[in-house]
Protein backbone atom coordinates (compact mmCIF):
# COMPACT_ATOMS: atom_id res chain seq x y z
CA MET A 1 83.38 107.84 99.54
CA SER A 2 80.17 106.15 100.50
CA CYS A 3 79.33 104.88 103.97
CA LEU A 4 80.19 101.47 103.39
CA ALA A 5 83.25 101.86 101.72
CA LEU A 6 83.93 104.45 105.52
CA LEU A 7 82.64 101.22 107.94
CA ALA A 8 84.83 99.43 105.88
CA LEU A 9 88.06 101.36 106.13
CA ALA A 10 87.08 101.96 110.17
CA CYS A 11 86.09 98.66 111.13
CA SER A 12 88.86 96.51 109.11
CA LYS A 13 92.85 97.21 110.43
CA LYS A 14 95.11 95.32 109.10
CA SER A 15 98.84 94.72 109.94
CA ALA A 16 101.47 95.13 107.41
CA LYS A 17 102.74 91.54 107.35
CA GLU A 18 98.94 90.77 106.16
CA VAL A 19 99.88 92.99 103.06
CA PRO A 20 101.68 90.23 100.60
CA VAL A 21 105.06 91.21 99.01
CA ILE A 22 103.84 90.67 95.33
CA ALA A 23 107.33 91.83 93.52
CA GLU A 24 110.68 94.11 94.02
CA LEU A 25 111.12 96.80 91.78
CA SER A 26 114.93 96.70 90.36
CA GLU A 27 117.04 99.28 89.43
CA PHE A 28 115.57 102.49 87.72
CA SER A 29 116.31 106.21 86.95
CA LEU A 30 113.64 108.34 85.54
CA VAL A 31 113.54 111.96 86.10
CA ASP A 32 110.21 113.96 87.95
CA GLN A 33 108.85 117.22 87.72
CA ASP A 34 111.42 119.05 88.85
CA GLN A 35 114.28 117.95 86.65
CA ARG A 36 115.40 115.73 89.90
CA VAL A 37 116.46 111.92 89.44
CA PHE A 38 114.13 109.57 90.64
CA ASP A 39 115.55 105.94 91.25
CA ARG A 40 114.61 103.02 93.29
CA GLY A 41 116.99 104.54 96.60
CA SER A 42 114.34 107.51 96.15
CA MET A 43 111.56 105.45 97.56
CA ARG A 44 113.00 104.39 100.91
CA ASP A 45 111.34 107.77 102.63
CA GLY A 46 108.16 106.44 102.34
CA VAL A 47 105.31 104.33 100.94
CA TRP A 48 103.92 104.81 97.60
CA VAL A 49 100.74 105.40 95.85
CA THR A 50 101.67 105.28 92.67
CA ALA A 51 99.40 106.05 89.34
CA PHE A 52 99.95 104.91 85.43
CA VAL A 53 98.95 108.50 83.88
CA PHE A 54 99.50 111.09 80.80
CA THR A 55 98.61 114.27 80.66
CA HIS A 56 96.97 114.93 78.24
CA CYS A 57 94.39 111.80 78.81
CA ARG A 58 90.96 112.95 78.58
CA ALA A 59 89.38 109.25 79.73
CA THR A 60 90.75 107.76 83.04
CA CYS A 61 94.04 109.93 84.00
CA PRO A 62 91.61 112.83 85.21
CA ARG A 63 89.53 110.37 87.62
CA LEU A 64 92.62 108.81 88.85
CA THR A 65 94.65 111.66 89.40
CA ALA A 66 91.82 113.43 91.41
CA GLN A 67 91.12 109.92 93.70
CA MET A 68 95.01 110.09 94.28
CA LYS A 69 94.32 114.18 95.57
CA LYS A 70 91.69 113.12 98.25
CA LEU A 71 93.88 110.30 99.21
CA GLN A 72 96.43 112.61 99.97
CA GLY A 73 94.50 114.87 101.85
CA ARG A 74 92.91 111.95 103.94
CA VAL A 75 96.10 110.57 104.89
CA SER A 76 97.90 113.64 105.20
CA ASP A 77 98.36 112.58 108.86
CA VAL A 78 100.81 109.83 107.38
CA SER A 79 104.06 111.15 107.78
CA SER A 80 105.34 108.59 105.22
CA ALA A 81 102.75 108.56 102.63
CA ARG A 82 103.98 109.68 99.02
CA PHE A 83 102.56 109.90 95.60
CA LEU A 84 103.89 108.72 92.26
CA SER A 85 102.25 109.47 89.05
CA VAL A 86 104.26 107.72 86.45
CA SER A 87 103.72 109.04 82.80
CA VAL A 88 103.32 106.38 80.23
CA ASP A 89 103.47 109.06 77.54
CA PRO A 90 107.29 110.12 77.76
CA ARG A 91 107.07 111.47 74.17
CA ASN A 92 105.26 114.14 75.03
CA ASP A 93 105.36 114.19 79.05
CA THR A 94 108.51 116.43 79.63
CA PRO A 95 109.19 117.43 83.27
CA ASP A 96 107.92 121.11 82.38
CA VAL A 97 104.83 119.28 81.25
CA THR A 98 104.67 117.34 84.06
CA LYS A 99 105.12 120.62 86.05
CA ALA A 100 102.57 122.45 84.77
CA TYR A 101 100.11 119.41 84.85
CA MET A 102 100.40 119.46 88.57
CA THR A 103 100.11 123.09 88.97
CA LYS A 104 97.14 123.20 86.85
CA ASN A 105 95.14 120.29 88.86
CA GLY A 106 96.44 121.87 92.47
CA LEU A 107 98.36 118.69 93.32
CA ASP A 108 100.17 119.38 96.30
CA GLU A 109 103.92 118.67 95.57
CA THR A 110 105.26 118.15 99.23
CA ASN A 111 105.15 114.18 98.53
CA TRP A 112 103.88 113.73 94.89
CA ARG A 113 106.51 113.24 92.51
CA PHE A 114 105.32 113.04 88.42
CA VAL A 115 108.11 110.93 86.71
CA THR A 116 109.09 110.00 83.16
CA GLY A 117 112.12 109.17 81.17
CA ARG A 118 113.05 107.41 77.90
CA GLU A 119 110.85 105.92 76.59
CA GLU A 120 112.62 102.45 77.58
CA ALA A 121 113.00 103.34 81.17
CA ILE A 122 109.78 103.79 81.06
CA GLN A 123 108.83 100.39 79.26
CA ARG A 124 111.05 98.40 81.81
CA PHE A 125 109.70 100.24 85.02
CA VAL A 126 106.18 99.83 84.09
CA VAL A 127 106.22 96.21 82.34
CA ASP A 128 109.03 94.66 83.60
CA GLY A 129 108.89 96.46 87.17
CA PHE A 130 105.27 97.07 87.88
CA GLN A 131 103.96 94.31 85.44
CA VAL A 132 101.25 96.21 84.39
CA GLY A 133 100.60 96.82 80.77
CA PHE A 134 100.32 99.98 78.60
CA GLY A 135 100.68 100.62 74.80
CA ARG A 136 99.35 102.45 72.13
CA THR A 137 96.25 100.74 70.35
CA ARG A 138 96.99 99.15 66.67
CA LEU A 139 94.54 101.20 64.66
CA SER A 140 95.27 104.69 66.61
CA THR A 141 97.59 106.96 68.59
CA GLU A 142 95.52 106.13 71.32
CA LEU A 143 97.58 105.24 74.58
CA THR A 144 95.99 102.30 76.93
CA HIS A 145 97.27 101.77 80.13
CA SER A 146 96.20 100.34 83.77
CA ASN A 147 93.67 102.05 85.55
CA SER A 148 94.67 100.66 89.04
CA PHE A 149 96.89 102.02 92.08
CA ALA A 150 100.25 100.14 93.00
CA LEU A 151 101.39 100.53 96.38
CA VAL A 152 104.95 100.44 96.92
CA ASP A 153 106.86 99.93 100.39
CA GLU A 154 109.85 101.66 101.37
CA GLN A 155 112.32 98.89 99.87
CA ALA A 156 110.95 99.40 96.67
CA ARG A 157 108.80 96.15 96.90
CA ILE A 158 105.19 96.05 95.39
CA ARG A 159 102.87 95.37 98.05
CA GLY A 160 99.34 95.59 96.28
CA TYR A 161 97.22 96.71 93.10
CA TYR A 162 94.12 98.43 93.83
CA SER A 163 91.12 99.13 91.63
CA SER A 164 90.02 103.08 91.65
CA ASP A 165 86.68 102.43 92.89
CA ASP A 166 85.40 103.63 96.50
CA GLU A 167 86.03 100.12 97.90
CA GLY A 168 89.71 99.91 96.07
CA ILE A 169 90.99 103.13 97.39
CA ALA A 170 89.39 102.06 101.12
CA GLU A 171 91.77 99.06 100.97
CA LEU A 172 94.52 101.11 99.49
CA GLU A 173 94.21 103.63 101.97
CA ARG A 174 93.81 100.77 104.97
CA ASP A 175 97.07 99.00 103.36
CA LEU A 176 99.15 102.26 103.18
CA ARG A 177 98.53 102.81 106.95
CA ALA A 178 99.43 99.41 108.04
CA LEU A 179 102.78 99.62 105.77
CA ALA A 180 103.23 103.39 107.48
CA THR A 181 102.87 101.98 111.03
CA ALA A 182 104.95 99.27 110.62
CA ALA A 183 107.75 101.39 108.75
CA PHE A 184 107.68 103.57 112.02
CA LYS A 185 108.03 101.02 114.50
CA ARG A 186 110.75 100.00 112.90
CA GLY A 187 112.45 103.64 113.53
CA ARG A 188 111.94 105.10 110.08
């Protein structure tokens, strides 16, 4: 992280009330890397940093995953911090494939879930739920998807979208800490 981003993070505290509610996720049911169900109720135990990726991506997905991994280390003092990778290629990303990807990339699964599901369920979750796009380009089979992170609170409400550059990650960390502090004060 650049010095400017660290300075901005240190100087700018934000309260949970200042982190807007953008939308609320409706009911969904997916499966994680350990073949456990991941649904709306699964989000009750934390504040979730979410990225939309696929395991065989060679462009932006490795960078997004690396940024999440770094953030996971920086917020290790936040017990309610959770991380969610959502596969936008459920045809290829089975639980076994996502599990192998997490192992290969040295991802700490303690508070990180990598979910997949039926194509229709992923489409609803990503496009209707998170209100971000993804799909295959017309002229090829390349997947296109959001390169931003989303922050979701313990009530499955989307609280923000963040770019994956240093400034976006600093803002994401600040908002995650604000939401986690508010949840802790409420007795969660």
